[in-house]
Amino acid sequence: IAPLGARLRIYQGMELDLLRREGLGSDNVELAAFRPAHALHQDLMASVDAMYLPMSFAPEDRDNVELCFPSKLADYTVAGLPILVRGPAYSTAAHWAGAYPGVAELVTTAEAAPLTAAARRIITHKAHRHALAKAALANGRELFSQRAVFQTFANALRSVR
């Protein structure tokens, strides 16, 4: 993303100094301390232009990537920002993005060029960026809101009878 003039902010729970000593950091990478959900959502909406959800392409991670749905998607959709998903086609995040066309930019290869092209589309095409954000927000409300989750739970209980 550096050639595009973009910055990457990484929210995480590790010691920031440790990550910097390990080499994670550059002029266009900002490390931010993990924060509670409400504070995170406020920060994202105030200072972030898009969300990036990477999934591992490593063969040893396939079971996890294929079976575990990234809970951060709920946080990402609440922020109402465009989402860029990068992961193998078999990943749950890729399945989500594919099942709801227009909800995210989706890159299913580990190659750099398609990722750069997707980031460029988000950065340079305002209408596309807004459409992705609107679709992500609507999808989050449909799938991840308290009401939607309770309805799914209630339906599951009714189906057991």
N, C-alpha and C. Protein backbone atom coordinates (compact mmCIF):
# COMPACT_ATOMS: atom_id res chain seq x y z
N ILE A 1 0.80 -1.21 0.00
CA ILE A 1 0.00 0.00 0.00
C ILE A 1 0.84 1.27 0.00
N ALA A 2 2.11 1.15 0.32
CA ALA A 2 2.97 2.34 0.36
C ALA A 2 2.98 3.08 -0.98
N PRO A 3 3.12 2.38 -2.13
CA PRO A 3 3.10 3.10 -3.41
C PRO A 3 1.78 3.82 -3.68
N LEU A 4 0.73 3.43 -3.00
CA LEU A 4 -0.57 4.06 -3.19
C LEU A 4 -0.76 5.27 -2.28
N GLY A 5 0.24 5.53 -1.43
CA GLY A 5 0.14 6.64 -0.49
C GLY A 5 -0.75 6.34 0.69
N ALA A 6 -0.99 5.07 0.94
CA ALA A 6 -1.89 4.65 2.02
C ALA A 6 -1.11 4.24 3.26
N ARG A 7 -1.81 4.22 4.37
CA ARG A 7 -1.24 3.81 5.66
C ARG A 7 -2.03 2.61 6.17
N LEU A 8 -1.38 1.80 6.96
CA LEU A 8 -2.00 0.64 7.59
C LEU A 8 -1.95 0.83 9.09
N ARG A 9 -3.10 0.77 9.73
CA ARG A 9 -3.16 0.83 11.20
C ARG A 9 -3.52 -0.57 11.68
N ILE A 10 -2.71 -1.11 12.58
CA ILE A 10 -2.94 -2.45 13.12
C ILE A 10 -3.35 -2.33 14.58
N TYR A 11 -4.57 -2.78 14.88
CA TYR A 11 -5.05 -2.83 16.26
C TYR A 11 -4.75 -4.22 16.80
N GLN A 12 -4.08 -4.27 17.92
CA GLN A 12 -3.71 -5.57 18.48
C GLN A 12 -3.44 -5.43 19.97
N GLY A 13 -3.35 -6.57 20.66
CA GLY A 13 -3.19 -6.57 22.11
C GLY A 13 -1.78 -6.82 22.60
N MET A 14 -0.81 -6.91 21.72
CA MET A 14 0.57 -7.15 22.16
C MET A 14 1.24 -5.83 22.52
N GLU A 15 2.36 -5.93 23.19
CA GLU A 15 3.11 -4.73 23.54
C GLU A 15 3.64 -4.08 22.25
N LEU A 16 3.34 -2.82 22.10
CA LEU A 16 3.71 -2.12 20.87
C LEU A 16 5.23 -2.08 20.68
N ASP A 17 5.97 -1.86 21.76
CA ASP A 17 7.43 -1.81 21.65
C ASP A 17 7.99 -3.15 21.19
N LEU A 18 7.43 -4.24 21.67
CA LEU A 18 7.88 -5.58 21.26
C LEU A 18 7.66 -5.76 19.77
N LEU A 19 6.50 -5.38 19.28
CA LEU A 19 6.22 -5.52 17.85
C LEU A 19 7.16 -4.68 17.01
N ARG A 20 7.46 -3.48 17.46
CA ARG A 20 8.37 -2.62 16.72
C ARG A 20 9.78 -3.21 16.70
N ARG A 21 10.22 -3.76 17.85
CA ARG A 21 11.55 -4.39 17.91
C ARG A 21 11.63 -5.60 16.98
N GLU A 22 10.50 -6.27 16.76
CA GLU A 22 10.47 -7.43 15.87
C GLU A 22 10.38 -7.02 14.40
N GLY A 23 10.32 -5.74 14.14
CA GLY A 23 10.36 -5.26 12.77
C GLY A 23 9.01 -4.89 12.18
N LEU A 24 7.95 -4.97 12.96
CA LEU A 24 6.64 -4.60 12.44
C LEU A 24 6.45 -3.10 12.63
N GLY A 25 6.67 -2.41 11.58
CA GLY A 25 6.53 -0.96 11.63
C GLY A 25 7.33 -0.34 10.51
N SER A 26 6.78 0.66 9.93
CA SER A 26 7.47 1.44 8.91
C SER A 26 6.77 2.80 8.87
N ASP A 27 7.18 3.63 7.96
CA ASP A 27 6.58 4.96 7.89
C ASP A 27 5.08 4.93 7.61
N ASN A 28 4.62 3.89 6.94
CA ASN A 28 3.19 3.83 6.61
C ASN A 28 2.43 2.78 7.42
N VAL A 29 3.06 2.24 8.49
CA VAL A 29 2.39 1.29 9.37
C VAL A 29 2.33 1.87 10.77
N GLU A 30 1.12 1.93 11.29
CA GLU A 30 0.90 2.45 12.64
C GLU A 30 0.37 1.31 13.51
N LEU A 31 0.99 1.12 14.65
CA LEU A 31 0.54 0.11 15.60
C LEU A 31 -0.31 0.79 16.66
N ALA A 32 -1.53 0.29 16.86
CA ALA A 32 -2.44 0.87 17.84
C ALA A 32 -2.81 -0.18 18.86
N ALA A 33 -2.91 0.23 20.10
CA ALA A 33 -3.28 -0.69 21.17
C ALA A 33 -4.73 -1.14 20.99
N PHE A 34 -4.99 -2.38 21.37
CA PHE A 34 -6.34 -2.92 21.32
C PHE A 34 -7.23 -2.10 22.24
N ARG A 35 -8.50 -1.92 21.87
CA ARG A 35 -9.43 -1.17 22.70
C ARG A 35 -10.77 -1.91 22.76
N PRO A 36 -11.56 -1.59 23.76
CA PRO A 36 -12.89 -2.20 23.86
C PRO A 36 -13.72 -1.88 22.60
N ALA A 37 -14.71 -2.71 22.31
CA ALA A 37 -15.48 -2.61 21.07
C ALA A 37 -16.04 -1.22 20.82
N HIS A 38 -16.67 -0.61 21.80
CA HIS A 38 -17.28 0.71 21.59
C HIS A 38 -16.22 1.74 21.20
N ALA A 39 -15.11 1.75 21.92
CA ALA A 39 -14.02 2.70 21.62
C ALA A 39 -13.41 2.40 20.25
N LEU A 40 -13.28 1.13 19.94
CA LEU A 40 -12.74 0.73 18.63
C LEU A 40 -13.64 1.25 17.51
N HIS A 41 -14.95 1.04 17.63
CA HIS A 41 -15.87 1.50 16.60
C HIS A 41 -15.79 3.00 16.40
N GLN A 42 -15.73 3.75 17.50
CA GLN A 42 -15.62 5.21 17.40
C GLN A 42 -14.33 5.60 16.69
N ASP A 43 -13.22 4.96 17.06
CA ASP A 43 -11.93 5.27 16.46
C ASP A 43 -11.92 4.93 14.97
N LEU A 44 -12.47 3.78 14.63
CA LEU A 44 -12.52 3.38 13.23
C LEU A 44 -13.30 4.38 12.39
N MET A 45 -14.47 4.75 12.86
CA MET A 45 -15.31 5.67 12.10
C MET A 45 -14.67 7.05 11.98
N ALA A 46 -13.88 7.44 12.97
CA ALA A 46 -13.27 8.77 12.96
C ALA A 46 -11.98 8.84 12.15
N SER A 47 -11.25 7.72 12.03
CA SER A 47 -9.91 7.86 11.48
C SER A 47 -9.47 6.80 10.49
N VAL A 48 -10.36 5.93 10.05
CA VAL A 48 -9.98 4.86 9.13
C VAL A 48 -10.84 4.94 7.88
N ASP A 49 -10.25 4.67 6.73
CA ASP A 49 -10.98 4.75 5.46
C ASP A 49 -11.49 3.40 4.96
N ALA A 50 -10.85 2.32 5.37
CA ALA A 50 -11.26 0.98 4.93
C ALA A 50 -10.72 -0.04 5.92
N MET A 51 -11.33 -1.22 5.91
CA MET A 51 -10.91 -2.31 6.80
C MET A 51 -10.29 -3.41 5.95
N TYR A 52 -9.26 -4.04 6.49
CA TYR A 52 -8.56 -5.11 5.78
C TYR A 52 -8.67 -6.38 6.61
N LEU A 53 -9.15 -7.44 6.00
CA LEU A 53 -9.29 -8.73 6.68
C LEU A 53 -8.48 -9.78 5.94
N PRO A 54 -7.25 -10.04 6.41
CA PRO A 54 -6.43 -11.07 5.78
C PRO A 54 -6.69 -12.43 6.41
N MET A 55 -6.71 -13.45 5.59
CA MET A 55 -6.82 -14.83 6.05
C MET A 55 -5.59 -15.57 5.53
N SER A 56 -5.11 -16.51 6.29
CA SER A 56 -3.87 -17.21 5.96
C SER A 56 -4.01 -18.13 4.75
N PHE A 57 -2.98 -18.13 3.93
CA PHE A 57 -2.88 -19.06 2.81
C PHE A 57 -2.00 -20.27 3.16
N ALA A 58 -1.43 -20.27 4.36
CA ALA A 58 -0.51 -21.35 4.76
C ALA A 58 -1.26 -22.68 4.86
N PRO A 59 -0.72 -23.73 4.28
CA PRO A 59 -1.40 -25.04 4.32
C PRO A 59 -1.71 -25.50 5.75
N GLU A 60 -0.81 -25.21 6.68
CA GLU A 60 -1.04 -25.66 8.05
C GLU A 60 -2.18 -24.90 8.74
N ASP A 61 -2.64 -23.80 8.16
CA ASP A 61 -3.74 -23.03 8.73
C ASP A 61 -5.08 -23.32 8.06
N ARG A 62 -5.08 -24.21 7.07
CA ARG A 62 -6.29 -24.43 6.27
C ARG A 62 -7.50 -24.81 7.12
N ASP A 63 -7.36 -25.75 8.06
CA ASP A 63 -8.51 -26.15 8.88
C ASP A 63 -9.13 -24.96 9.59
N ASN A 64 -8.31 -24.12 10.18
CA ASN A 64 -8.81 -22.95 10.90
C ASN A 64 -9.47 -21.96 9.95
N VAL A 65 -8.83 -21.68 8.83
CA VAL A 65 -9.33 -20.70 7.86
C VAL A 65 -10.63 -21.19 7.22
N GLU A 66 -10.75 -22.50 7.07
CA GLU A 66 -11.92 -23.08 6.41
C GLU A 66 -13.11 -23.22 7.37
N LEU A 67 -12.84 -23.37 8.66
CA LEU A 67 -13.91 -23.65 9.60
C LEU A 67 -14.30 -22.49 10.51
N CYS A 68 -13.37 -21.61 10.82
CA CYS A 68 -13.62 -20.55 11.80
C CYS A 68 -13.98 -19.24 11.11
N PHE A 69 -15.14 -18.72 11.46
CA PHE A 69 -15.58 -17.45 10.90
C PHE A 69 -14.93 -16.32 11.68
N PRO A 70 -14.32 -15.34 11.01
CA PRO A 70 -13.64 -14.25 11.71
C PRO A 70 -14.65 -13.31 12.39
N SER A 71 -14.69 -13.37 13.71
CA SER A 71 -15.65 -12.56 14.46
C SER A 71 -15.42 -11.07 14.24
N LYS A 72 -14.23 -10.69 13.81
CA LYS A 72 -13.97 -9.26 13.57
C LYS A 72 -14.83 -8.71 12.45
N LEU A 73 -15.42 -9.56 11.62
CA LEU A 73 -16.31 -9.05 10.57
C LEU A 73 -17.51 -8.32 11.16
N ALA A 74 -17.97 -8.75 12.31
CA ALA A 74 -19.07 -8.04 12.97
C ALA A 74 -18.63 -6.61 13.31
N ASP A 75 -17.43 -6.47 13.87
CA ASP A 75 -16.90 -5.13 14.17
C ASP A 75 -16.69 -4.33 12.90
N TYR A 76 -16.17 -4.96 11.87
CA TYR A 76 -15.88 -4.26 10.63
C TYR A 76 -17.17 -3.72 10.00
N THR A 77 -18.23 -4.53 9.98
CA THR A 77 -19.47 -4.08 9.35
C THR A 77 -20.15 -2.97 10.15
N VAL A 78 -20.02 -3.00 11.47
CA VAL A 78 -20.62 -1.96 12.31
C VAL A 78 -19.99 -0.60 12.00
N ALA A 79 -18.72 -0.60 11.65
CA ALA A 79 -18.02 0.66 11.37
C ALA A 79 -18.54 1.33 10.10
N GLY A 80 -19.19 0.57 9.23
CA GLY A 80 -19.72 1.17 8.00
C GLY A 80 -18.64 1.65 7.06
N LEU A 81 -17.57 0.87 6.98
CA LEU A 81 -16.44 1.20 6.11
C LEU A 81 -16.30 0.12 5.06
N PRO A 82 -15.67 0.43 3.91
CA PRO A 82 -15.43 -0.62 2.94
C PRO A 82 -14.48 -1.66 3.51
N ILE A 83 -14.68 -2.90 3.10
CA ILE A 83 -13.88 -4.01 3.62
C ILE A 83 -13.15 -4.67 2.46
N LEU A 84 -11.88 -4.95 2.68
CA LEU A 84 -11.05 -5.68 1.72
C LEU A 84 -10.70 -7.01 2.36
N VAL A 85 -11.22 -8.10 1.79
CA VAL A 85 -10.96 -9.45 2.29
C VAL A 85 -9.93 -10.10 1.38
N ARG A 86 -8.89 -10.65 1.99
CA ARG A 86 -7.90 -11.40 1.23
C ARG A 86 -7.71 -12.74 1.90
N GLY A 87 -8.01 -13.78 1.17
CA GLY A 87 -7.86 -15.13 1.72
C GLY A 87 -8.16 -16.15 0.64
N PRO A 88 -7.82 -17.39 0.92
CA PRO A 88 -8.09 -18.44 -0.06
C PRO A 88 -9.59 -18.58 -0.31
N ALA A 89 -9.96 -19.06 -1.48
CA ALA A 89 -11.37 -19.21 -1.85
C ALA A 89 -12.12 -20.09 -0.85
N TYR A 90 -11.43 -21.02 -0.18
CA TYR A 90 -12.08 -21.91 0.77
C TYR A 90 -12.26 -21.28 2.16
N SER A 91 -11.76 -20.08 2.37
CA SER A 91 -11.88 -19.45 3.69
C SER A 91 -13.30 -18.99 3.96
N THR A 92 -13.67 -18.97 5.24
CA THR A 92 -15.02 -18.53 5.60
C THR A 92 -15.23 -17.06 5.24
N ALA A 93 -14.20 -16.25 5.34
CA ALA A 93 -14.33 -14.84 4.98
C ALA A 93 -14.60 -14.69 3.49
N ALA A 94 -13.94 -15.49 2.67
CA ALA A 94 -14.18 -15.44 1.22
C ALA A 94 -15.60 -15.93 0.91
N HIS A 95 -16.05 -16.95 1.61
CA HIS A 95 -17.42 -17.44 1.41
C HIS A 95 -18.43 -16.36 1.75
N TRP A 96 -18.19 -15.65 2.86
CA TRP A 96 -19.08 -14.55 3.25
C TRP A 96 -19.12 -13.49 2.16
N ALA A 97 -17.95 -13.04 1.71
CA ALA A 97 -17.88 -11.99 0.70
C ALA A 97 -18.52 -12.46 -0.62
N GLY A 98 -18.34 -13.72 -0.95
CA GLY A 98 -18.93 -14.26 -2.17
C GLY A 98 -20.44 -14.44 -2.08
N ALA A 99 -20.92 -14.76 -0.88
CA ALA A 99 -22.36 -14.98 -0.68
C ALA A 99 -23.15 -13.68 -0.71
N TYR A 100 -22.49 -12.57 -0.45
CA TYR A 100 -23.14 -11.26 -0.42
C TYR A 100 -22.40 -10.31 -1.37
N PRO A 101 -22.63 -10.47 -2.67
CA PRO A 101 -21.89 -9.65 -3.64
C PRO A 101 -22.00 -8.16 -3.34
N GLY A 102 -20.86 -7.48 -3.47
CA GLY A 102 -20.82 -6.05 -3.25
C GLY A 102 -20.55 -5.63 -1.82
N VAL A 103 -20.44 -6.62 -0.91
CA VAL A 103 -20.23 -6.29 0.49
C VAL A 103 -18.76 -6.05 0.82
N ALA A 104 -17.86 -6.52 -0.05
CA ALA A 104 -16.42 -6.36 0.19
C ALA A 104 -15.66 -6.55 -1.12
N GLU A 105 -14.49 -5.97 -1.18
CA GLU A 105 -13.52 -6.32 -2.24
C GLU A 105 -12.96 -7.67 -1.81
N LEU A 106 -12.88 -8.61 -2.72
CA LEU A 106 -12.41 -9.95 -2.38
C LEU A 106 -11.23 -10.33 -3.27
N VAL A 107 -10.12 -10.72 -2.62
CA VAL A 107 -8.93 -11.19 -3.31
C VAL A 107 -8.66 -12.60 -2.79
N THR A 108 -8.63 -13.58 -3.69
CA THR A 108 -8.46 -14.98 -3.27
C THR A 108 -7.14 -15.57 -3.73
N THR A 109 -6.15 -14.74 -3.88
CA THR A 109 -4.81 -15.20 -4.25
C THR A 109 -3.79 -14.56 -3.32
N ALA A 110 -2.68 -15.23 -3.14
CA ALA A 110 -1.61 -14.70 -2.30
C ALA A 110 -0.71 -13.74 -3.08
N GLU A 111 -0.93 -13.62 -4.37
CA GLU A 111 -0.12 -12.73 -5.20
C GLU A 111 -0.38 -11.27 -4.83
N ALA A 112 0.64 -10.44 -4.97
CA ALA A 112 0.55 -9.04 -4.56
C ALA A 112 -0.27 -8.18 -5.53
N ALA A 113 -0.17 -8.42 -6.83
CA ALA A 113 -0.81 -7.55 -7.81
C ALA A 113 -2.33 -7.43 -7.62
N PRO A 114 -3.07 -8.54 -7.44
CA PRO A 114 -4.52 -8.40 -7.23
C PRO A 114 -4.87 -7.64 -5.94
N LEU A 115 -4.06 -7.80 -4.92
CA LEU A 115 -4.29 -7.07 -3.67
C LEU A 115 -4.08 -5.58 -3.89
N THR A 116 -3.01 -5.24 -4.58
CA THR A 116 -2.73 -3.84 -4.89
C THR A 116 -3.86 -3.23 -5.73
N ALA A 117 -4.35 -3.99 -6.70
CA ALA A 117 -5.43 -3.50 -7.56
C ALA A 117 -6.71 -3.27 -6.75
N ALA A 118 -7.01 -4.18 -5.84
CA ALA A 118 -8.21 -4.04 -5.01
C ALA A 118 -8.09 -2.83 -4.09
N ALA A 119 -6.93 -2.66 -3.48
CA ALA A 119 -6.71 -1.49 -2.62
C ALA A 119 -6.82 -0.20 -3.43
N ARG A 120 -6.27 -0.23 -4.63
CA ARG A 120 -6.34 0.96 -5.50
C ARG A 120 -7.79 1.30 -5.84
N ARG A 121 -8.62 0.27 -6.12
CA ARG A 121 -10.03 0.53 -6.43
C ARG A 121 -10.72 1.22 -5.24
N ILE A 122 -10.44 0.74 -4.04
CA ILE A 122 -11.06 1.34 -2.85
C ILE A 122 -10.58 2.77 -2.66
N ILE A 123 -9.30 2.99 -2.85
CA ILE A 123 -8.72 4.31 -2.61
C ILE A 123 -9.16 5.33 -3.66
N THR A 124 -9.19 4.93 -4.92
CA THR A 124 -9.37 5.90 -6.00
C THR A 124 -10.80 6.05 -6.51
N HIS A 125 -11.66 5.10 -6.25
CA HIS A 125 -13.03 5.15 -6.77
C HIS A 125 -14.02 5.42 -5.63
N LYS A 126 -14.32 6.69 -5.47
CA LYS A 126 -15.17 7.11 -4.35
C LYS A 126 -16.54 6.41 -4.36
N ALA A 127 -17.17 6.32 -5.50
CA ALA A 127 -18.50 5.69 -5.58
C ALA A 127 -18.41 4.22 -5.19
N HIS A 128 -17.36 3.54 -5.63
CA HIS A 128 -17.16 2.13 -5.28
C HIS A 128 -16.94 1.99 -3.78
N ARG A 129 -16.11 2.84 -3.23
CA ARG A 129 -15.81 2.82 -1.79
C ARG A 129 -17.10 3.01 -0.98
N HIS A 130 -17.92 3.96 -1.39
CA HIS A 130 -19.18 4.23 -0.68
C HIS A 130 -20.16 3.07 -0.82
N ALA A 131 -20.21 2.47 -2.00
CA ALA A 131 -21.11 1.33 -2.21
C ALA A 131 -20.70 0.15 -1.33
N LEU A 132 -19.39 -0.12 -1.25
CA LEU A 132 -18.90 -1.19 -0.39
C LEU A 132 -19.26 -0.92 1.07
N ALA A 133 -19.04 0.32 1.51
CA ALA A 133 -19.32 0.68 2.90
C ALA A 133 -20.80 0.52 3.22
N LYS A 134 -21.65 0.99 2.32
CA LYS A 134 -23.10 0.90 2.52
C LYS A 134 -23.54 -0.57 2.58
N ALA A 135 -23.02 -1.39 1.68
CA ALA A 135 -23.38 -2.80 1.66
C ALA A 135 -22.87 -3.52 2.91
N ALA A 136 -21.67 -3.19 3.36
CA ALA A 136 -21.12 -3.82 4.57
C ALA A 136 -21.96 -3.46 5.78
N LEU A 137 -22.34 -2.21 5.91
CA LEU A 137 -23.16 -1.77 7.03
C LEU A 137 -24.51 -2.48 7.03
N ALA A 138 -25.15 -2.55 5.88
CA ALA A 138 -26.45 -3.23 5.77
C ALA A 138 -26.32 -4.70 6.09
N ASN A 139 -25.27 -5.33 5.59
CA ASN A 139 -25.06 -6.75 5.84
C ASN A 139 -24.81 -7.00 7.33
N GLY A 140 -24.04 -6.13 7.96
CA GLY A 140 -23.79 -6.27 9.39
C GLY A 140 -25.07 -6.17 10.19
N ARG A 141 -25.92 -5.25 9.82
CA ARG A 141 -27.21 -5.12 10.53
C ARG A 141 -28.07 -6.36 10.32
N GLU A 142 -28.04 -6.90 9.10
CA GLU A 142 -28.84 -8.07 8.78
C GLU A 142 -28.35 -9.33 9.49
N LEU A 143 -27.04 -9.50 9.57
CA LEU A 143 -26.49 -10.75 10.10
C LEU A 143 -25.98 -10.69 11.53
N PHE A 144 -25.43 -9.54 11.95
CA PHE A 144 -24.69 -9.50 13.20
C PHE A 144 -25.30 -8.63 14.29
N SER A 145 -26.40 -7.96 14.02
CA SER A 145 -27.01 -7.12 15.05
C SER A 145 -27.56 -8.01 16.17
N GLN A 146 -27.77 -7.41 17.32
CA GLN A 146 -28.31 -8.15 18.46
C GLN A 146 -29.66 -8.76 18.08
N ARG A 147 -30.47 -8.00 17.37
CA ARG A 147 -31.79 -8.49 16.97
C ARG A 147 -31.65 -9.71 16.04
N ALA A 148 -30.76 -9.61 15.05
CA ALA A 148 -30.57 -10.71 14.11
C ALA A 148 -30.04 -11.96 14.81
N VAL A 149 -29.09 -11.77 15.70
CA VAL A 149 -28.51 -12.91 16.42
C VAL A 149 -29.57 -13.56 17.31
N PHE A 150 -30.37 -12.75 18.01
CA PHE A 150 -31.42 -13.31 18.85
C PHE A 150 -32.45 -14.06 18.02
N GLN A 151 -32.80 -13.52 16.85
CA GLN A 151 -33.78 -14.19 15.99
C GLN A 151 -33.25 -15.55 15.53
N THR A 152 -31.97 -15.61 15.18
CA THR A 152 -31.36 -16.88 14.79
C THR A 152 -31.40 -17.87 15.94
N PHE A 153 -31.08 -17.39 17.14
CA PHE A 153 -31.11 -18.23 18.33
C PHE A 153 -32.54 -18.74 18.59
N ALA A 154 -33.51 -17.83 18.52
CA ALA A 154 -34.91 -18.21 18.77
C ALA A 154 -35.38 -19.22 17.73
N ASN A 155 -35.02 -19.03 16.48
CA ASN A 155 -35.40 -19.98 15.43
C ASN A 155 -34.78 -21.34 15.68
N ALA A 156 -33.55 -21.37 16.16
CA ALA A 156 -32.90 -22.65 16.47
C ALA A 156 -33.64 -23.37 17.60
N LEU A 157 -34.04 -22.62 18.61
CA LEU A 157 -34.79 -23.22 19.72
C LEU A 157 -36.12 -23.78 19.24
N ARG A 158 -36.82 -23.03 18.38
CA ARG A 158 -38.10 -23.49 17.87
C ARG A 158 -37.95 -24.75 17.01
N SER A 159 -36.84 -24.86 16.31
CA SER A 159 -36.65 -26.02 15.42
C SER A 159 -36.35 -27.30 16.18
N VAL A 160 -35.96 -27.18 17.44
CA VAL A 160 -35.65 -28.36 18.25
C VAL A 160 -36.91 -29.03 18.76
N ARG A 161 -37.97 -28.28 18.88
CA ARG A 161 -39.23 -28.82 19.43
C ARG A 161 -39.77 -29.93 18.62
